[in-house]
């Protein structure tokens, strides 16, 4: 039986958190793709110029 150290626990929790973030990111992209929003955003980015961006 392996003894779980605090460091190993932290590493495992970090991996889980990062995997969950990646999963949510992929689901968001999938939603944007399904609704057509992603295509609209990509078209606007590709057709934009430096003048379209305003410094805040």
PDB file of N, CA and C in Angstrom:
ATOM      1  N   UNK A   1       0.845  -1.175   0.000  1.00  0.00           N
ATOM      2  CA  UNK A   1       0.000   0.000   0.000  1.00  0.00           C
ATOM      3  C   UNK A   1       0.891   1.240   0.000  1.00  0.00           C
ATOM      4  N   UNK A   2       0.574   2.159  -0.901  1.00  0.00           N
ATOM      5  CA  UNK A   2       1.373   3.369  -1.032  1.00  0.00           C
ATOM      6  C   UNK A   2       0.886   4.411  -0.033  1.00  0.00           C
ATOM      7  N   UNK A   3       1.825   5.076   0.597  1.00  0.00           N
ATOM      8  CA  UNK A   3       1.502   6.154   1.521  1.00  0.00           C
ATOM      9  C   UNK A   3       1.408   7.446   0.721  1.00  0.00           C
ATOM     10  N   UNK A   4       0.312   8.136   0.888  1.00  0.00           N
ATOM     11  CA  UNK A   4       0.105   9.391   0.174  1.00  0.00           C
ATOM     12  C   UNK A   4       0.718  10.520   0.994  1.00  0.00           C
ATOM     13  N   UNK A   5       1.684  11.176   0.390  1.00  0.00           N
ATOM     14  CA  UNK A   5       2.301  12.314   1.066  1.00  0.00           C
ATOM     15  C   UNK A   5       1.531  13.578   0.709  1.00  0.00           C
ATOM     16  N   UNK A   6       1.759  14.610   1.462  1.00  0.00           N
ATOM     17  CA  UNK A   6       1.092  15.882   1.209  1.00  0.00           C
ATOM     18  C   UNK A   6       1.465  16.435  -0.166  1.00  0.00           C
ATOM     19  N   UNK A   7       2.716  16.244  -0.556  1.00  0.00           N
ATOM     20  CA  UNK A   7       3.171  16.713  -1.869  1.00  0.00           C
ATOM     21  C   UNK A   7       2.456  15.969  -2.988  1.00  0.00           C
ATOM     22  N   UNK A   8       2.338  14.642  -2.851  1.00  0.00           N
ATOM     23  CA  UNK A   8       1.630  13.858  -3.862  1.00  0.00           C
ATOM     24  C   UNK A   8       0.161  14.263  -3.944  1.00  0.00           C
ATOM     25  N   UNK A   9      -0.437  14.525  -2.800  1.00  0.00           N
ATOM     26  CA  UNK A   9      -1.832  14.954  -2.769  1.00  0.00           C
ATOM     27  C   UNK A   9      -1.996  16.286  -3.497  1.00  0.00           C
ATOM     28  N   UNK A  10      -1.095  17.210  -3.250  1.00  0.00           N
ATOM     29  CA  UNK A  10      -1.148  18.514  -3.923  1.00  0.00           C
ATOM     30  C   UNK A  10      -0.993  18.362  -5.434  1.00  0.00           C
ATOM     31  N   UNK A  11      -0.058  17.521  -5.854  1.00  0.00           N
ATOM     32  CA  UNK A  11       0.150  17.297  -7.285  1.00  0.00           C
ATOM     33  C   UNK A  11      -1.099  16.709  -7.930  1.00  0.00           C
ATOM     34  N   UNK A  12      -1.704  15.730  -7.268  1.00  0.00           N
ATOM     35  CA  UNK A  12      -2.911  15.103  -7.806  1.00  0.00           C
ATOM     36  C   UNK A  12      -4.065  16.095  -7.876  1.00  0.00           C
ATOM     37  N   UNK A  13      -4.229  16.901  -6.843  1.00  0.00           N
ATOM     38  CA  UNK A  13      -5.294  17.902  -6.849  1.00  0.00           C
ATOM     39  C   UNK A  13      -5.069  18.936  -7.947  1.00  0.00           C
ATOM     40  N   UNK A  14      -3.824  19.325  -8.147  1.00  0.00           N
ATOM     41  CA  UNK A  14      -3.499  20.280  -9.204  1.00  0.00           C
ATOM     42  C   UNK A  14      -3.851  19.701 -10.575  1.00  0.00           C
ATOM     43  N   UNK A  15      -3.511  18.434 -10.804  1.00  0.00           N
ATOM     44  CA  UNK A  15      -3.831  17.785 -12.078  1.00  0.00           C
ATOM     45  C   UNK A  15      -5.339  17.741 -12.308  1.00  0.00           C
ATOM     46  N   UNK A  16      -6.092  17.455 -11.255  1.00  0.00           N
ATOM     47  CA  UNK A  16      -7.553  17.394 -11.362  1.00  0.00           C
ATOM     48  C   UNK A  16      -8.120  18.770 -11.697  1.00  0.00           C
ATOM     49  N   UNK A  17      -7.637  19.791 -11.007  1.00  0.00           N
ATOM     50  CA  UNK A  17      -8.121  21.159 -11.250  1.00  0.00           C
ATOM     51  C   UNK A  17      -7.806  21.595 -12.675  1.00  0.00           C
ATOM     52  N   UNK A  18      -6.603  21.312 -13.147  1.00  0.00           N
ATOM     53  CA  UNK A  18      -6.227  21.710 -14.503  1.00  0.00           C
ATOM     54  C   UNK A  18      -7.038  20.943 -15.547  1.00  0.00           C
ATOM     55  N   UNK A  19      -7.292  19.672 -15.306  1.00  0.00           N
ATOM     56  CA  UNK A  19      -8.100  18.883 -16.235  1.00  0.00           C
ATOM     57  C   UNK A  19      -9.528  19.423 -16.288  1.00  0.00           C
ATOM     58  N   UNK A  20     -10.057  19.827 -15.133  1.00  0.00           N
ATOM     59  CA  UNK A  20     -11.408  20.382 -15.085  1.00  0.00           C
ATOM     60  C   UNK A  20     -11.475  21.703 -15.852  1.00  0.00           C
ATOM     61  N   UNK A  21     -10.452  22.549 -15.713  1.00  0.00           N
ATOM     62  CA  UNK A  21     -10.413  23.814 -16.453  1.00  0.00           C
ATOM     63  C   UNK A  21     -10.366  23.554 -17.955  1.00  0.00           C
ATOM     64  N   UNK A  22      -9.544  22.599 -18.366  1.00  0.00           N
ATOM     65  CA  UNK A  22      -9.429  22.264 -19.784  1.00  0.00           C
ATOM     66  C   UNK A  22     -10.756  21.729 -20.315  1.00  0.00           C
ATOM     67  N   UNK A  23     -11.425  20.896 -19.526  1.00  0.00           N
ATOM     68  CA  UNK A  23     -12.722  20.345 -19.920  1.00  0.00           C
ATOM     69  C   UNK A  23     -13.738  21.467 -20.135  1.00  0.00           C
ATOM     70  N   UNK A  24     -13.801  22.401 -19.200  1.00  0.00           N
ATOM     71  CA  UNK A  24     -14.744  23.514 -19.324  1.00  0.00           C
ATOM     72  C   UNK A  24     -14.408  24.394 -20.532  1.00  0.00           C
ATOM     73  N   UNK A  25     -13.124  24.584 -20.786  1.00  0.00           N
ATOM     74  CA  UNK A  25     -12.703  25.369 -21.944  1.00  0.00           C
ATOM     75  C   UNK A  25     -13.156  24.686 -23.241  1.00  0.00           C
ATOM     76  N   UNK A  26     -12.968  23.375 -23.321  1.00  0.00           N
ATOM     77  CA  UNK A  26     -13.376  22.645 -24.518  1.00  0.00           C
ATOM     78  C   UNK A  26     -14.889  22.663 -24.700  1.00  0.00           C
ATOM     79  N   UNK A  27     -15.628  22.553 -23.594  1.00  0.00           N
ATOM     80  CA  UNK A  27     -17.090  22.606 -23.676  1.00  0.00           C
ATOM     81  C   UNK A  27     -17.560  23.986 -24.139  1.00  0.00           C
ATOM     82  N   UNK A  28     -16.875  25.032 -23.688  1.00  0.00           N
ATOM     83  CA  UNK A  28     -17.219  26.387 -24.112  1.00  0.00           C
ATOM     84  C   UNK A  28     -16.971  26.560 -25.609  1.00  0.00           C
ATOM     85  N   UNK A  29     -15.837  26.064 -26.093  1.00  0.00           N
ATOM     86  CA  UNK A  29     -15.548  26.139 -27.525  1.00  0.00           C
ATOM     87  C   UNK A  29     -16.567  25.343 -28.335  1.00  0.00           C
ATOM     88  N   UNK A  30     -16.948  24.181 -27.814  1.00  0.00           N
ATOM     89  CA  UNK A  30     -17.948  23.355 -28.487  1.00  0.00           C
ATOM     90  C   UNK A  30     -19.287  24.097 -28.581  1.00  0.00           C
ATOM     91  N   UNK A  31     -19.675  24.763 -27.513  1.00  0.00           N
ATOM     92  CA  UNK A  31     -20.920  25.537 -27.506  1.00  0.00           C
ATOM     93  C   UNK A  31     -20.854  26.680 -28.516  1.00  0.00           C
ATOM     94  N   UNK A  32     -19.737  27.404 -28.515  1.00  0.00           N
ATOM     95  CA  UNK A  32     -19.585  28.516 -29.454  1.00  0.00           C
ATOM     96  C   UNK A  32     -19.624  28.028 -30.898  1.00  0.00           C
ATOM     97  N   UNK A  33     -19.039  26.857 -31.129  1.00  0.00           N
ATOM     98  CA  UNK A  33     -19.037  26.296 -32.475  1.00  0.00           C
ATOM     99  C   UNK A  33     -20.446  25.881 -32.892  1.00  0.00           C
ATOM    100  N   UNK A  34     -21.187  25.270 -31.983  1.00  0.00           N
ATOM    101  CA  UNK A  34     -22.551  24.822 -32.289  1.00  0.00           C
ATOM    102  C   UNK A  34     -23.479  25.995 -32.576  1.00  0.00           C
ATOM    103  N   UNK A  35     -23.324  27.077 -31.845  1.00  0.00           N
ATOM    104  CA  UNK A  35     -24.217  28.222 -32.012  1.00  0.00           C
ATOM    105  C   UNK A  35     -23.785  29.146 -33.143  1.00  0.00           C
ATOM    106  N   UNK A  36     -22.620  28.907 -33.715  1.00  0.00           N
ATOM    107  CA  UNK A  36     -22.133  29.751 -34.799  1.00  0.00           C
ATOM    108  C   UNK A  36     -21.400  30.985 -34.308  1.00  0.00           C
ATOM    109  N   UNK A  37     -21.341  31.171 -33.011  1.00  0.00           N
ATOM    110  CA  UNK A  37     -20.674  32.342 -32.441  1.00  0.00           C
ATOM    111  C   UNK A  37     -19.183  32.314 -32.734  1.00  0.00           C
ATOM    112  N   UNK A  38     -18.593  31.135 -32.683  1.00  0.00           N
ATOM    113  CA  UNK A  38     -17.152  31.011 -32.909  1.00  0.00           C
ATOM    114  C   UNK A  38     -16.790  31.469 -34.319  1.00  0.00           C
ATOM    115  N   UNK A  39     -17.577  31.079 -35.306  1.00  0.00           N
ATOM    116  CA  UNK A  39     -17.305  31.505 -36.687  1.00  0.00           C
ATOM    117  C   UNK A  39     -17.401  33.017 -36.823  1.00  0.00           C
ATOM    118  N   UNK A  40     -18.393  33.605 -36.176  1.00  0.00           N
ATOM    119  CA  UNK A  40     -18.563  35.061 -36.227  1.00  0.00           C
ATOM    120  C   UNK A  40     -17.366  35.766 -35.609  1.00  0.00           C
ATOM    121  N   UNK A  41     -16.926  35.280 -34.459  1.00  0.00           N
ATOM    122  CA  UNK A  41     -15.770  35.880 -33.781  1.00  0.00           C
ATOM    123  C   UNK A  41     -14.523  35.759 -34.646  1.00  0.00           C
ATOM    124  N   UNK A  42     -14.303  34.578 -35.229  1.00  0.00           N
ATOM    125  CA  UNK A  42     -13.112  34.369 -36.051  1.00  0.00           C
ATOM    126  C   UNK A  42     -13.139  35.258 -37.300  1.00  0.00           C
ATOM    127  N   UNK A  43     -14.307  35.434 -37.911  1.00  0.00           N
ATOM    128  CA  UNK A  43     -14.410  36.317 -39.078  1.00  0.00           C
ATOM    129  C   UNK A  43     -14.076  37.751 -38.699  1.00  0.00           C
ATOM    130  N   UNK A  44     -14.604  38.200 -37.571  1.00  0.00           N
ATOM    131  CA  UNK A  44     -14.329  39.581 -37.146  1.00  0.00           C
ATOM    132  C   UNK A  44     -12.855  39.776 -36.816  1.00  0.00           C
ATOM    133  N   UNK A  45     -12.234  38.786 -36.204  1.00  0.00           N
ATOM    134  CA  UNK A  45     -10.806  38.887 -35.886  1.00  0.00           C
ATOM    135  C   UNK A  45      -9.991  38.942 -37.174  1.00  0.00           C
ATOM    136  N   UNK A  46     -10.313  38.068 -38.122  1.00  0.00           N
ATOM    137  CA  UNK A  46      -9.565  38.023 -39.384  1.00  0.00           C
ATOM    138  C   UNK A  46      -9.748  39.286 -40.214  1.00  0.00           C
ATOM    139  N   UNK A  47     -10.908  39.913 -40.127  1.00  0.00           N
ATOM    140  CA  UNK A  47     -11.188  41.115 -40.917  1.00  0.00           C
ATOM    141  C   UNK A  47     -10.864  42.408 -40.174  1.00  0.00           C
ATOM    142  N   UNK A  48     -10.346  42.316 -38.983  1.00  0.00           N
ATOM    143  CA  UNK A  48     -10.094  43.515 -38.184  1.00  0.00           C
ATOM    144  C   UNK A  48      -8.750  44.148 -38.537  1.00  0.00           C
ATOM    145  N   UNK A  49      -8.643  45.409 -38.194  1.00  0.00           N
ATOM    146  CA  UNK A  49      -7.393  46.144 -38.352  1.00  0.00           C
ATOM    147  C   UNK A  49      -6.986  46.678 -36.981  1.00  0.00           C
ATOM    148  N   UNK A  50      -5.820  47.278 -36.915  1.00  0.00           N
ATOM    149  CA  UNK A  50      -5.356  47.838 -35.643  1.00  0.00           C
ATOM    150  C   UNK A  50      -6.265  48.962 -35.157  1.00  0.00           C
ATOM    151  N   UNK A  51      -6.919  49.636 -36.084  1.00  0.00           N
ATOM    152  CA  UNK A  51      -7.815  50.737 -35.714  1.00  0.00           C
ATOM    153  C   UNK A  51      -9.075  50.247 -35.004  1.00  0.00           C
ATOM    154  N   UNK A  52      -9.393  48.958 -35.172  1.00  0.00           N
ATOM    155  CA  UNK A  52     -10.595  48.409 -34.536  1.00  0.00           C
ATOM    156  C   UNK A  52     -10.424  48.213 -33.034  1.00  0.00           C
ATOM    157  N   UNK A  53      -9.193  48.211 -32.575  1.00  0.00           N
ATOM    158  CA  UNK A  53      -8.927  47.962 -31.163  1.00  0.00           C
ATOM    159  C   UNK A  53      -8.633  49.272 -30.452  1.00  0.00           C
ATOM    160  N   UNK A  54      -9.313  49.474 -29.362  1.00  0.00           N
ATOM    161  CA  UNK A  54      -9.161  50.702 -28.588  1.00  0.00           C
ATOM    162  C   UNK A  54      -8.425  50.360 -27.305  1.00  0.00           C
ATOM    163  N   UNK A  55      -7.407  51.139 -26.998  1.00  0.00           N
ATOM    164  CA  UNK A  55      -6.666  50.918 -25.760  1.00  0.00           C
ATOM    165  C   UNK A  55      -7.473  51.476 -24.600  1.00  0.00           C
ATOM    166  N   UNK A  56      -7.655  50.653 -23.591  1.00  0.00           N
ATOM    167  CA  UNK A  56      -8.437  51.083 -22.421  1.00  0.00           C
ATOM    168  C   UNK A  56      -7.559  51.708 -21.374  1.00  0.00           C
TER     169      UNK A  56
END
